[in-house]
């Protein structure tokens, strides 16, 4: 199974985190939002990548623009994604992955 490089790019904040794992967005956004955590070398990571749902059609272009800065594509979105302090991110958060 292909290992995906996952990078979190947050709308309006452009915080970035990455982790390698074969986990990604589900079929719908989970009721419990994903939260950023601080990993090794102070890298920001999503705690639950599978909490993301699909990127809404109206947000795909904006998500791809943010993820494209890292040569990645927006593959997931959560409207209530949280920062590392548990506060909702304005505009939600994107889950970015390599094709």
C-alpha atoms as a PDB file:
ATOM      1  CA  UNK A   1       0.000   0.000   0.000  1.00  0.00           C
ATOM      2  CA  UNK A   2       1.302   3.416  -0.921  1.00  0.00           C
ATOM      3  CA  UNK A   3       2.435   5.504   2.014  1.00  0.00           C
ATOM      4  CA  UNK A   4       1.085   9.027   1.776  1.00  0.00           C
ATOM      5  CA  UNK A   5       2.855  12.103   2.970  1.00  0.00           C
ATOM      6  CA  UNK A   6       0.246  14.096   4.825  1.00  0.00           C
ATOM      7  CA  UNK A   7       0.572  17.759   5.463  1.00  0.00           C
ATOM      8  CA  UNK A   8      -1.879  19.961   7.272  1.00  0.00           C
ATOM      9  CA  UNK A   9      -2.414  23.395   5.817  1.00  0.00           C
ATOM     10  CA  UNK A  10      -4.810  25.586   7.735  1.00  0.00           C
ATOM     11  CA  UNK A  11      -6.938  28.156   5.965  1.00  0.00           C
ATOM     12  CA  UNK A  12      -6.006  31.739   6.889  1.00  0.00           C
ATOM     13  CA  UNK A  13      -3.109  30.671   9.125  1.00  0.00           C
ATOM     14  CA  UNK A  14      -0.930  28.576   6.804  1.00  0.00           C
ATOM     15  CA  UNK A  15       0.373  26.453   9.686  1.00  0.00           C
ATOM     16  CA  UNK A  16       1.984  23.340   8.289  1.00  0.00           C
ATOM     17  CA  UNK A  17       2.536  19.897   9.750  1.00  0.00           C
ATOM     18  CA  UNK A  18       3.406  16.542   8.244  1.00  0.00           C
ATOM     19  CA  UNK A  19       3.400  12.861   9.046  1.00  0.00           C
ATOM     20  CA  UNK A  20       3.736   9.685   6.982  1.00  0.00           C
ATOM     21  CA  UNK A  21       0.917   7.163   7.367  1.00  0.00           C
ATOM     22  CA  UNK A  22      -1.651   5.421   5.179  1.00  0.00           C
ATOM     23  CA  UNK A  23      -4.541   7.199   6.904  1.00  0.00           C
ATOM     24  CA  UNK A  24      -6.665   9.886   5.340  1.00  0.00           C
ATOM     25  CA  UNK A  25     -10.032  11.595   5.263  1.00  0.00           C
ATOM     26  CA  UNK A  26     -13.218   9.636   5.696  1.00  0.00           C
ATOM     27  CA  UNK A  27     -16.519   9.850   3.846  1.00  0.00           C
ATOM     28  CA  UNK A  28     -17.735  12.673   6.117  1.00  0.00           C
ATOM     29  CA  UNK A  29     -16.308  15.034   8.736  1.00  0.00           C
ATOM     30  CA  UNK A  30     -16.362  13.450  12.193  1.00  0.00           C
ATOM     31  CA  UNK A  31     -18.412  15.014  14.987  1.00  0.00           C
ATOM     32  CA  UNK A  32     -15.180  15.310  16.998  1.00  0.00           C
ATOM     33  CA  UNK A  33     -12.876  17.690  15.094  1.00  0.00           C
ATOM     34  CA  UNK A  34      -9.208  16.989  14.419  1.00  0.00           C
ATOM     35  CA  UNK A  35      -6.705  18.932  16.484  1.00  0.00           C
ATOM     36  CA  UNK A  36      -3.140  19.976  15.811  1.00  0.00           C
ATOM     37  CA  UNK A  37      -0.487  18.439  18.030  1.00  0.00           C
ATOM     38  CA  UNK A  38       3.218  19.140  18.291  1.00  0.00           C
ATOM     39  CA  UNK A  39       5.375  16.232  17.124  1.00  0.00           C
ATOM     40  CA  UNK A  40       9.106  15.661  16.918  1.00  0.00           C
ATOM     41  CA  UNK A  41      11.175  18.685  15.935  1.00  0.00           C
ATOM     42  CA  UNK A  42       8.185  20.935  16.737  1.00  0.00           C
ATOM     43  CA  UNK A  43       6.325  19.768  13.614  1.00  0.00           C
ATOM     44  CA  UNK A  44       2.566  20.347  13.788  1.00  0.00           C
ATOM     45  CA  UNK A  45       0.520  17.216  13.063  1.00  0.00           C
ATOM     46  CA  UNK A  46      -3.195  16.416  12.964  1.00  0.00           C
ATOM     47  CA  UNK A  47      -4.123  14.047  15.798  1.00  0.00           C
ATOM     48  CA  UNK A  48      -6.909  12.318  13.825  1.00  0.00           C
ATOM     49  CA  UNK A  49      -6.522  12.559  10.033  1.00  0.00           C
ATOM     50  CA  UNK A  50      -9.517  10.271   9.568  1.00  0.00           C
ATOM     51  CA  UNK A  51     -11.727  12.949  11.233  1.00  0.00           C
ATOM     52  CA  UNK A  52     -11.597  14.962   7.999  1.00  0.00           C
ATOM     53  CA  UNK A  53     -14.324  14.561   5.421  1.00  0.00           C
ATOM     54  CA  UNK A  54     -14.214  15.339   1.706  1.00  0.00           C
ATOM     55  CA  UNK A  55     -13.369  18.853   0.554  1.00  0.00           C
ATOM     56  CA  UNK A  56     -16.591  20.660  -0.464  1.00  0.00           C
ATOM     57  CA  UNK A  57     -16.614  21.585  -4.167  1.00  0.00           C
ATOM     58  CA  UNK A  58     -16.767  25.288  -3.311  1.00  0.00           C
ATOM     59  CA  UNK A  59     -13.587  25.033  -1.200  1.00  0.00           C
ATOM     60  CA  UNK A  60     -11.528  22.695  -3.397  1.00  0.00           C
ATOM     61  CA  UNK A  61      -9.815  25.496  -5.323  1.00  0.00           C
ATOM     62  CA  UNK A  62      -8.831  27.355  -2.133  1.00  0.00           C
ATOM     63  CA  UNK A  63      -7.632  24.116  -0.527  1.00  0.00           C
ATOM     64  CA  UNK A  64      -5.592  23.155  -3.573  1.00  0.00           C
ATOM     65  CA  UNK A  65      -4.025  26.611  -3.618  1.00  0.00           C
ATOM     66  CA  UNK A  66      -2.892  26.259   0.011  1.00  0.00           C
ATOM     67  CA  UNK A  67      -1.767  22.660  -0.377  1.00  0.00           C
ATOM     68  CA  UNK A  68      -0.197  23.423  -3.761  1.00  0.00           C
ATOM     69  CA  UNK A  69       2.402  25.578  -2.037  1.00  0.00           C
ATOM     70  CA  UNK A  70       3.796  22.239  -0.852  1.00  0.00           C
ATOM     71  CA  UNK A  71       3.162  20.404  -4.138  1.00  0.00           C
ATOM     72  CA  UNK A  72       0.236  18.592  -2.528  1.00  0.00           C
ATOM     73  CA  UNK A  73      -3.534  18.436  -3.083  1.00  0.00           C
ATOM     74  CA  UNK A  74      -6.379  19.124  -0.632  1.00  0.00           C
ATOM     75  CA  UNK A  75      -7.951  15.729  -0.001  1.00  0.00           C
ATOM     76  CA  UNK A  76      -9.873  16.469   3.197  1.00  0.00           C
ATOM     77  CA  UNK A  77     -11.579  19.294   5.046  1.00  0.00           C
ATOM     78  CA  UNK A  78     -13.069  19.806   8.501  1.00  0.00           C
ATOM     79  CA  UNK A  79     -15.040  22.987   9.232  1.00  0.00           C
ATOM     80  CA  UNK A  80     -14.227  22.855  12.970  1.00  0.00           C
ATOM     81  CA  UNK A  81     -10.576  21.780  12.910  1.00  0.00           C
ATOM     82  CA  UNK A  82      -8.742  23.001  16.004  1.00  0.00           C
ATOM     83  CA  UNK A  83      -5.382  24.566  16.668  1.00  0.00           C
ATOM     84  CA  UNK A  84      -2.999  23.061  19.225  1.00  0.00           C
ATOM     85  CA  UNK A  85      -4.811  24.974  22.007  1.00  0.00           C
ATOM     86  CA  UNK A  86      -8.190  23.451  21.130  1.00  0.00           C
ATOM     87  CA  UNK A  87      -9.602  26.609  19.517  1.00  0.00           C
ATOM     88  CA  UNK A  88     -11.539  26.302  16.255  1.00  0.00           C
ATOM     89  CA  UNK A  89      -9.597  27.574  13.255  1.00  0.00           C
ATOM     90  CA  UNK A  90     -11.375  30.297  11.283  1.00  0.00           C
ATOM     91  CA  UNK A  91     -12.409  28.755   7.985  1.00  0.00           C
ATOM     92  CA  UNK A  92     -11.620  25.200   9.102  1.00  0.00           C
ATOM     93  CA  UNK A  93      -8.612  23.076   8.232  1.00  0.00           C
ATOM     94  CA  UNK A  94      -7.430  21.117   5.199  1.00  0.00           C
ATOM     95  CA  UNK A  95      -5.845  17.715   5.008  1.00  0.00           C
ATOM     96  CA  UNK A  96      -3.247  17.701   2.221  1.00  0.00           C
ATOM     97  CA  UNK A  97      -1.673  14.669   0.597  1.00  0.00           C
ATOM     98  CA  UNK A  98       0.501  13.688  -2.326  1.00  0.00           C
ATOM     99  CA  UNK A  99      -1.264  12.111  -5.292  1.00  0.00           C
END
